PDB file of N, CA and C in Angstrom:
ATOM      1  N   MET A   1     -32.063  23.776  12.107  1.00  0.00           N
ATOM      2  CA  MET A   1     -31.991  22.341  11.765  1.00  0.00           C
ATOM      3  C   MET A   1     -31.287  22.232  10.322  1.00  0.00           C
ATOM      4  N   LYS A   2     -31.659  23.333   9.443  1.00  0.00           N
ATOM      5  CA  LYS A   2     -31.085  23.317   8.115  1.00  0.00           C
ATOM      6  C   LYS A   2     -29.600  23.589   8.217  1.00  0.00           C
ATOM      7  N   LYS A   3     -29.217  24.563   9.041  1.00  0.00           N
ATOM      8  CA  LYS A   3     -27.782  24.868   9.342  1.00  0.00           C
ATOM      9  C   LYS A   3     -26.924  23.657   9.686  1.00  0.00           C
ATOM     10  N   ILE A   4     -27.421  22.779  10.583  1.00  0.00           N
ATOM     11  CA  ILE A   4     -26.681  21.650  10.881  1.00  0.00           C
ATOM     12  C   ILE A   4     -26.603  20.656   9.763  1.00  0.00           C
ATOM     13  N   PHE A   5     -27.684  20.413   8.977  1.00  0.00           N
ATOM     14  CA  PHE A   5     -27.624  19.674   7.874  1.00  0.00           C
ATOM     15  C   PHE A   5     -26.644  20.137   6.899  1.00  0.00           C
ATOM     16  N   VAL A   6     -26.528  21.382   6.633  1.00  0.00           N
ATOM     17  CA  VAL A   6     -25.481  21.899   5.659  1.00  0.00           C
ATOM     18  C   VAL A   6     -24.156  21.733   6.177  1.00  0.00           C
ATOM     19  N   ILE A   7     -23.962  21.840   7.464  1.00  0.00           N
ATOM     20  CA  ILE A   7     -22.603  21.645   8.061  1.00  0.00           C
ATOM     21  C   ILE A   7     -22.150  20.275   7.931  1.00  0.00           C
ATOM     22  N   LEU A   8     -23.123  19.314   8.268  1.00  0.00           N
ATOM     23  CA  LEU A   8     -22.864  17.909   8.121  1.00  0.00           C
ATOM     24  C   LEU A   8     -22.574  17.525   6.816  1.00  0.00           C
ATOM     25  N   ALA A   9     -23.247  17.973   5.792  1.00  0.00           N
ATOM     26  CA  ALA A   9     -23.120  17.729   4.370  1.00  0.00           C
ATOM     27  C   ALA A   9     -21.707  18.249   3.848  1.00  0.00           C
ATOM     28  N   GLY A  10     -21.287  19.447   4.413  1.00  0.00           N
ATOM     29  CA  GLY A  10     -20.022  19.990   4.028  1.00  0.00           C
ATOM     30  C   GLY A  10     -18.833  19.163   4.583  1.00  0.00           C
ATOM     31  N   LEU A  11     -19.101  18.714   5.839  1.00  0.00           N
ATOM     32  CA  LEU A  11     -17.972  17.703   6.363  1.00  0.00           C
ATOM     33  C   LEU A  11     -17.923  16.487   5.574  1.00  0.00           C
ATOM     34  N   ALA A  12     -18.962  15.975   5.313  1.00  0.00           N
ATOM     35  CA  ALA A  12     -19.045  14.629   4.422  1.00  0.00           C
ATOM     36  C   ALA A  12     -18.266  14.941   3.102  1.00  0.00           C
ATOM     37  N   ILE A  13     -18.622  16.017   2.506  1.00  0.00           N
ATOM     38  CA  ILE A  13     -17.915  16.311   1.142  1.00  0.00           C
ATOM     39  C   ILE A  13     -16.526  16.436   1.371  1.00  0.00           C
ATOM     40  N   LEU A  14     -15.997  17.187   2.297  1.00  0.00           N
ATOM     41  CA  LEU A  14     -14.638  17.335   2.721  1.00  0.00           C
ATOM     42  C   LEU A  14     -13.932  15.972   2.982  1.00  0.00           C
ATOM     43  N   TYR A  15     -14.578  15.157   3.723  1.00  0.00           N
ATOM     44  CA  TYR A  15     -14.059  13.942   4.105  1.00  0.00           C
ATOM     45  C   TYR A  15     -13.851  12.986   2.850  1.00  0.00           C
ATOM     46  N   ALA A  16     -14.885  13.064   1.935  1.00  0.00           N
ATOM     47  CA  ALA A  16     -14.757  12.373   0.682  1.00  0.00           C
ATOM     48  C   ALA A  16     -13.729  12.905  -0.203  1.00  0.00           C
ATOM     49  N   ALA A  17     -13.411  14.137  -0.280  1.00  0.00           N
ATOM     50  CA  ALA A  17     -12.330  14.787  -0.957  1.00  0.00           C
ATOM     51  C   ALA A  17     -11.075  14.312  -0.380  1.00  0.00           C
ATOM     52  N   TYR A  18     -10.871  14.235   0.892  1.00  0.00           N
ATOM     53  CA  TYR A  18      -9.695  13.819   1.527  1.00  0.00           C
ATOM     54  C   TYR A  18      -9.411  12.363   1.139  1.00  0.00           C
ATOM     55  N   ILE A  19     -10.374  11.502   1.234  1.00  0.00           N
ATOM     56  CA  ILE A  19     -10.187  10.112   0.825  1.00  0.00           C
ATOM     57  C   ILE A  19      -9.801  10.011  -0.600  1.00  0.00           C
ATOM     58  N   GLY A  20     -10.432  10.735  -1.375  1.00  0.00           N
ATOM     59  CA  GLY A  20      -9.983  10.845  -2.872  1.00  0.00           C
ATOM     60  C   GLY A  20      -8.650  11.118  -3.176  1.00  0.00           C
ATOM     61  N   VAL A  21      -8.160  12.182  -2.493  1.00  0.00           N
ATOM     62  CA  VAL A  21      -6.798  12.740  -2.662  1.00  0.00           C
ATOM     63  C   VAL A  21      -5.804  11.767  -2.125  1.00  0.00           C
ATOM     64  N   SER A  22      -6.138  11.127  -1.012  1.00  0.00           N
ATOM     65  CA  SER A  22      -5.245  10.165  -0.381  1.00  0.00           C
ATOM     66  C   SER A  22      -5.056   9.036  -1.250  1.00  0.00           C
ATOM     67  N   LEU A  23      -6.193   8.565  -1.835  1.00  0.00           N
ATOM     68  CA  LEU A  23      -6.032   7.302  -2.795  1.00  0.00           C
ATOM     69  C   LEU A  23      -5.238   7.643  -4.097  1.00  0.00           C
ATOM     70  N   MET A  24      -5.352   8.892  -4.500  1.00  0.00           N
ATOM     71  CA  MET A  24      -4.720   9.268  -5.792  1.00  0.00           C
ATOM     72  C   MET A  24      -3.198   9.487  -5.479  1.00  0.00           C
ATOM     73  N   LEU A  25      -2.687   9.734  -4.244  1.00  0.00           N
ATOM     74  CA  LEU A  25      -1.304   9.964  -3.906  1.00  0.00           C
ATOM     75  C   LEU A  25      -0.602   8.659  -3.519  1.00  0.00           C
ATOM     76  N   LEU A  26      -1.319   7.547  -3.555  1.00  0.00           N
ATOM     77  CA  LEU A  26      -0.775   6.271  -3.311  1.00  0.00           C
ATOM     78  C   LEU A  26       0.306   5.913  -4.456  1.00  0.00           C
ATOM     79  N   PRO A  27       1.311   5.170  -4.159  1.00  0.00           N
ATOM     80  CA  PRO A  27       2.326   4.740  -5.137  1.00  0.00           C
ATOM     81  C   PRO A  27       1.636   3.712  -6.159  1.00  0.00           C
ATOM     82  N   SER A  28       2.178   3.680  -7.362  1.00  0.00           N
ATOM     83  CA  SER A  28       1.691   2.708  -8.339  1.00  0.00           C
ATOM     84  C   SER A  28       1.988   1.289  -7.898  1.00  0.00           C
ATOM     85  N   VAL A  29       0.964   0.359  -8.294  1.00  0.00           N
ATOM     86  CA  VAL A  29       1.194  -1.062  -7.913  1.00  0.00           C
ATOM     87  C   VAL A  29       1.301  -1.936  -9.245  1.00  0.00           C
ATOM     88  N   SER A  30       1.503  -1.138 -10.394  1.00  0.00           N
ATOM     89  CA  SER A  30       1.705  -1.859 -11.623  1.00  0.00           C
ATOM     90  C   SER A  30       2.770  -2.846 -11.749  1.00  0.00           C
ATOM     91  N   ASP A  31       3.889  -2.554 -11.096  1.00  0.00           N
ATOM     92  CA  ASP A  31       5.038  -3.431 -11.003  1.00  0.00           C
ATOM     93  C   ASP A  31       4.673  -4.825 -10.405  1.00  0.00           C
ATOM     94  N   LEU A  32       3.662  -4.853  -9.488  1.00  0.00           N
ATOM     95  CA  LEU A  32       3.327  -6.100  -8.820  1.00  0.00           C
ATOM     96  C   LEU A  32       2.769  -7.265  -9.757  1.00  0.00           C
ATOM     97  N   GLN A  33       2.292  -6.925 -10.949  1.00  0.00           N
ATOM     98  CA  GLN A  33       1.780  -7.855 -11.897  1.00  0.00           C
ATOM     99  C   GLN A  33       2.778  -8.550 -12.605  1.00  0.00           C
ATOM    100  N   LYS A  34       4.071  -8.076 -12.538  1.00  0.00           N
ATOM    101  CA  LYS A  34       5.222  -8.847 -13.164  1.00  0.00           C
ATOM    102  C   LYS A  34       5.669  -9.829 -12.157  1.00  0.00           C
ATOM    103  N   ARG A  35       5.584 -11.071 -12.590  1.00  0.00           N
ATOM    104  CA  ARG A  35       5.992 -12.292 -11.601  1.00  0.00           C
ATOM    105  C   ARG A  35       7.481 -12.306 -11.324  1.00  0.00           C
ATOM    106  N   ARG A  36       8.281 -11.866 -12.169  1.00  0.00           N
ATOM    107  CA  ARG A  36       9.691 -12.064 -11.970  1.00  0.00           C
ATOM    108  C   ARG A  36      10.275 -10.704 -11.462  1.00  0.00           C
ATOM    109  N   ALA A  37       9.461  -9.747 -11.157  1.00  0.00           N
ATOM    110  CA  ALA A  37      10.068  -8.256 -10.697  1.00  0.00           C
ATOM    111  C   ALA A  37      10.428  -8.503  -9.230  1.00  0.00           C
ATOM    112  N   SER A  38      11.524  -7.826  -8.879  1.00  0.00           N
ATOM    113  CA  SER A  38      11.878  -7.712  -7.505  1.00  0.00           C
ATOM    114  C   SER A  38      11.942  -6.314  -7.221  1.00  0.00           C
ATOM    115  N   MET A  39      11.766  -5.954  -5.942  1.00  0.00           N
ATOM    116  CA  MET A  39      11.871  -4.601  -5.495  1.00  0.00           C
ATOM    117  C   MET A  39      12.399  -4.573  -4.130  1.00  0.00           C
ATOM    118  N   THR A  40      13.168  -3.504  -3.780  1.00  0.00           N
ATOM    119  CA  THR A  40      13.673  -3.349  -2.445  1.00  0.00           C
ATOM    120  C   THR A  40      12.875  -2.298  -1.674  1.00  0.00           C
ATOM    121  N   ILE A  41      12.507  -2.618  -0.524  1.00  0.00           N
ATOM    122  CA  ILE A  41      11.804  -1.720   0.327  1.00  0.00           C
ATOM    123  C   ILE A  41      12.622  -1.469   1.641  1.00  0.00           C
ATOM    124  N   GLN A  42      12.281  -0.413   2.247  1.00  0.00           N
ATOM    125  CA  GLN A  42      13.022  -0.012   3.549  1.00  0.00           C
ATOM    126  C   GLN A  42      12.147  -0.459   4.630  1.00  0.00           C
ATOM    127  N   VAL A  43      12.695  -1.286   5.513  1.00  0.00           N
ATOM    128  CA  VAL A  43      12.087  -1.771   6.755  1.00  0.00           C
ATOM    129  C   VAL A  43      12.730  -1.234   7.921  1.00  0.00           C
ATOM    130  N   ARG A  44      11.827  -0.732   8.822  1.00  0.00           N
ATOM    131  CA  ARG A  44      12.426  -0.256  10.105  1.00  0.00           C
ATOM    132  C   ARG A  44      12.325  -1.205  11.115  1.00  0.00           C
ATOM    133  N   ASP A  45      13.462  -1.426  11.908  1.00  0.00           N
ATOM    134  CA  ASP A  45      13.614  -2.302  12.996  1.00  0.00           C
ATOM    135  C   ASP A  45      13.216  -1.645  14.274  1.00  0.00           C
ATOM    136  N   TRP A  46      13.323  -2.352  15.414  1.00  0.00           N
ATOM    137  CA  TRP A  46      12.773  -1.999  16.712  1.00  0.00           C
ATOM    138  C   TRP A  46      13.464  -0.801  17.222  1.00  0.00           C
ATOM    139  N   HIS A  47      14.768  -0.660  16.755  1.00  0.00           N
ATOM    140  CA  HIS A  47      15.604   0.479  17.163  1.00  0.00           C
ATOM    141  C   HIS A  47      15.371   1.794  16.326  1.00  0.00           C
ATOM    142  N   GLY A  48      14.618   1.653  15.274  1.00  0.00           N
ATOM    143  CA  GLY A  48      14.248   2.895  14.465  1.00  0.00           C
ATOM    144  C   GLY A  48      15.147   2.973  13.417  1.00  0.00           C
ATOM    145  N   ASN A  49      16.026   2.046  13.099  1.00  0.00           N
ATOM    146  CA  ASN A  49      16.943   2.056  11.933  1.00  0.00           C
ATOM    147  C   ASN A  49      16.303   1.500  10.679  1.00  0.00           C
ATOM    148  N   TYR A  50      16.554   1.899   9.479  1.00  0.00           N
ATOM    149  CA  TYR A  50      16.017   1.360   8.332  1.00  0.00           C
ATOM    150  C   TYR A  50      17.061   0.541   7.688  1.00  0.00           C
ATOM    151  N   HIS A  51      16.454  -0.727   7.108  1.00  0.00           N
ATOM    152  CA  HIS A  51      17.356  -1.605   6.458  1.00  0.00           C
ATOM    153  C   HIS A  51      16.692  -2.008   5.097  1.00  0.00           C
ATOM    154  N   PRO A  52      17.410  -2.157   4.102  1.00  0.00           N
ATOM    155  CA  PRO A  52      16.869  -2.653   2.849  1.00  0.00           C
ATOM    156  C   PRO A  52      16.409  -4.131   2.906  1.00  0.00           C
ATOM    157  N   PHE A  53      15.203  -4.309   2.301  1.00  0.00           N
ATOM    158  CA  PHE A  53      14.548  -5.691   2.274  1.00  0.00           C
ATOM    159  C   PHE A  53      14.221  -5.942   0.759  1.00  0.00           C
ATOM    160  N   VAL A  54      14.702  -7.120   0.171  1.00  0.00           N
ATOM    161  CA  VAL A  54      14.369  -7.389  -1.182  1.00  0.00           C
ATOM    162  C   VAL A  54      13.121  -8.334  -1.091  1.00  0.00           C
ATOM    163  N   VAL A  55      12.193  -7.912  -1.972  1.00  0.00           N
ATOM    164  CA  VAL A  55      10.850  -8.580  -2.099  1.00  0.00           C
ATOM    165  C   VAL A  55      10.809  -9.169  -3.573  1.00  0.00           C
ATOM    166  N   GLY A  56      10.662 -10.468  -3.666  1.00  0.00           N
ATOM    167  CA  GLY A  56      10.612 -11.132  -4.970  1.00  0.00           C
ATOM    168  C   GLY A  56      11.666 -12.142  -5.220  1.00  0.00           C
ATOM    169  N   PRO A  57      11.815 -12.561  -6.438  1.00  0.00           N
ATOM    170  CA  PRO A  57      12.742 -13.685  -6.782  1.00  0.00           C
ATOM    171  C   PRO A  57      14.152 -13.448  -6.400  1.00  0.00           C
ATOM    172  N   LYS A  58      14.613 -12.164  -6.337  1.00  0.00           N
ATOM    173  CA  LYS A  58      16.049 -12.006  -6.034  1.00  0.00           C
ATOM    174  C   LYS A  58      16.381 -12.184  -4.578  1.00  0.00           C
ATOM    175  N   ASN A  59      15.231 -12.342  -3.684  1.00  0.00           N
ATOM    176  CA  ASN A  59      15.628 -12.579  -2.346  1.00  0.00           C
ATOM    177  C   ASN A  59      15.913 -14.129  -2.196  1.00  0.00           C
ATOM    178  N   ARG A  60      17.051 -14.401  -1.491  1.00  0.00           N
ATOM    179  CA  ARG A  60      17.465 -15.728  -1.442  1.00  0.00           C
ATOM    180  C   ARG A  60      16.534 -16.770  -0.715  1.00  0.00           C
ATOM    181  N   TYR A  61      15.695 -16.222   0.077  1.00  0.00           N
ATOM    182  CA  TYR A  61      14.695 -16.895   0.850  1.00  0.00           C
ATOM    183  C   TYR A  61      13.308 -16.989   0.152  1.00  0.00           C
ATOM    184  N   TRP A  62      13.216 -16.483  -1.049  1.00  0.00           N
ATOM    185  CA  TRP A  62      11.954 -16.336  -1.704  1.00  0.00           C
ATOM    186  C   TRP A  62      11.430 -17.722  -2.129  1.00  0.00           C
ATOM    187  N   THR A  63      10.220 -18.021  -1.913  1.00  0.00           N
ATOM    188  CA  THR A  63       9.557 -19.141  -2.418  1.00  0.00           C
ATOM    189  C   THR A  63       8.469 -19.031  -3.275  1.00  0.00           C
ATOM    190  N   SER A  64       8.318 -19.643  -4.491  1.00  0.00           N
ATOM    191  CA  SER A  64       7.328 -19.297  -5.513  1.00  0.00           C
ATOM    192  C   SER A  64       6.033 -19.775  -4.934  1.00  0.00           C
ATOM    193  N   GLY A  65       5.011 -19.079  -5.542  1.00  0.00           N
ATOM    194  CA  GLY A  65       3.623 -19.454  -5.182  1.00  0.00           C
ATOM    195  C   GLY A  65       3.259 -20.929  -5.586  1.00  0.00           C
ATOM    196  N   ALA A  66       3.969 -21.574  -6.613  1.00  0.00           N
ATOM    197  CA  ALA A  66       3.522 -22.816  -6.960  1.00  0.00           C
ATOM    198  C   ALA A  66       3.982 -23.907  -5.863  1.00  0.00           C
ATOM    199  N   ALA A  67       4.886 -23.464  -4.966  1.00  0.00           N
ATOM    200  CA  ALA A  67       5.298 -24.292  -3.881  1.00  0.00           C
ATOM    201  C   ALA A  67       4.235 -24.505  -2.824  1.00  0.00           C
ATOM    202  N   PHE A  68       3.278 -23.449  -2.819  1.00  0.00           N
ATOM    203  CA  PHE A  68       2.272 -23.570  -1.773  1.00  0.00           C
ATOM    204  C   PHE A  68       1.038 -24.158  -2.154  1.00  0.00           C
ATOM    205  N   ARG A  69       0.850 -24.484  -3.460  1.00  0.00           N
ATOM    206  CA  ARG A  69      -0.353 -25.020  -4.049  1.00  0.00           C
ATOM    207  C   ARG A  69      -0.487 -26.475  -3.629  1.00  0.00           C
ATOM    208  N   ARG A  70      -1.724 -26.958  -3.301  1.00  0.00           N
ATOM    209  CA  ARG A  70      -1.931 -28.276  -2.959  1.00  0.00           C
ATOM    210  C   ARG A  70      -2.063 -29.070  -4.247  1.00  0.00           C
ATOM    211  N   LYS A  71      -1.660 -30.314  -4.077  1.00  0.00           N
ATOM    212  CA  LYS A  71      -1.735 -31.196  -5.191  1.00  0.00           C
ATOM    213  C   LYS A  71      -2.897 -32.223  -5.016  1.00  0.00           C
TER     214      LYS A  71
END
């Protein structure tokens, strides 16, 4: 019984370490707090080809958040 508990505890620790490392390797999101910042991301279409997509004010179809607010 003790051996099973030790194995389960070890697996839980390994899983927690995996989650921690995965979170640390995520890209920085500090640029998202700049309201006027634009970024280009790569988007894959249904054929598997990647295309650049501009996110932010430099996108000609971009609408500001103020346009969605109710009056």
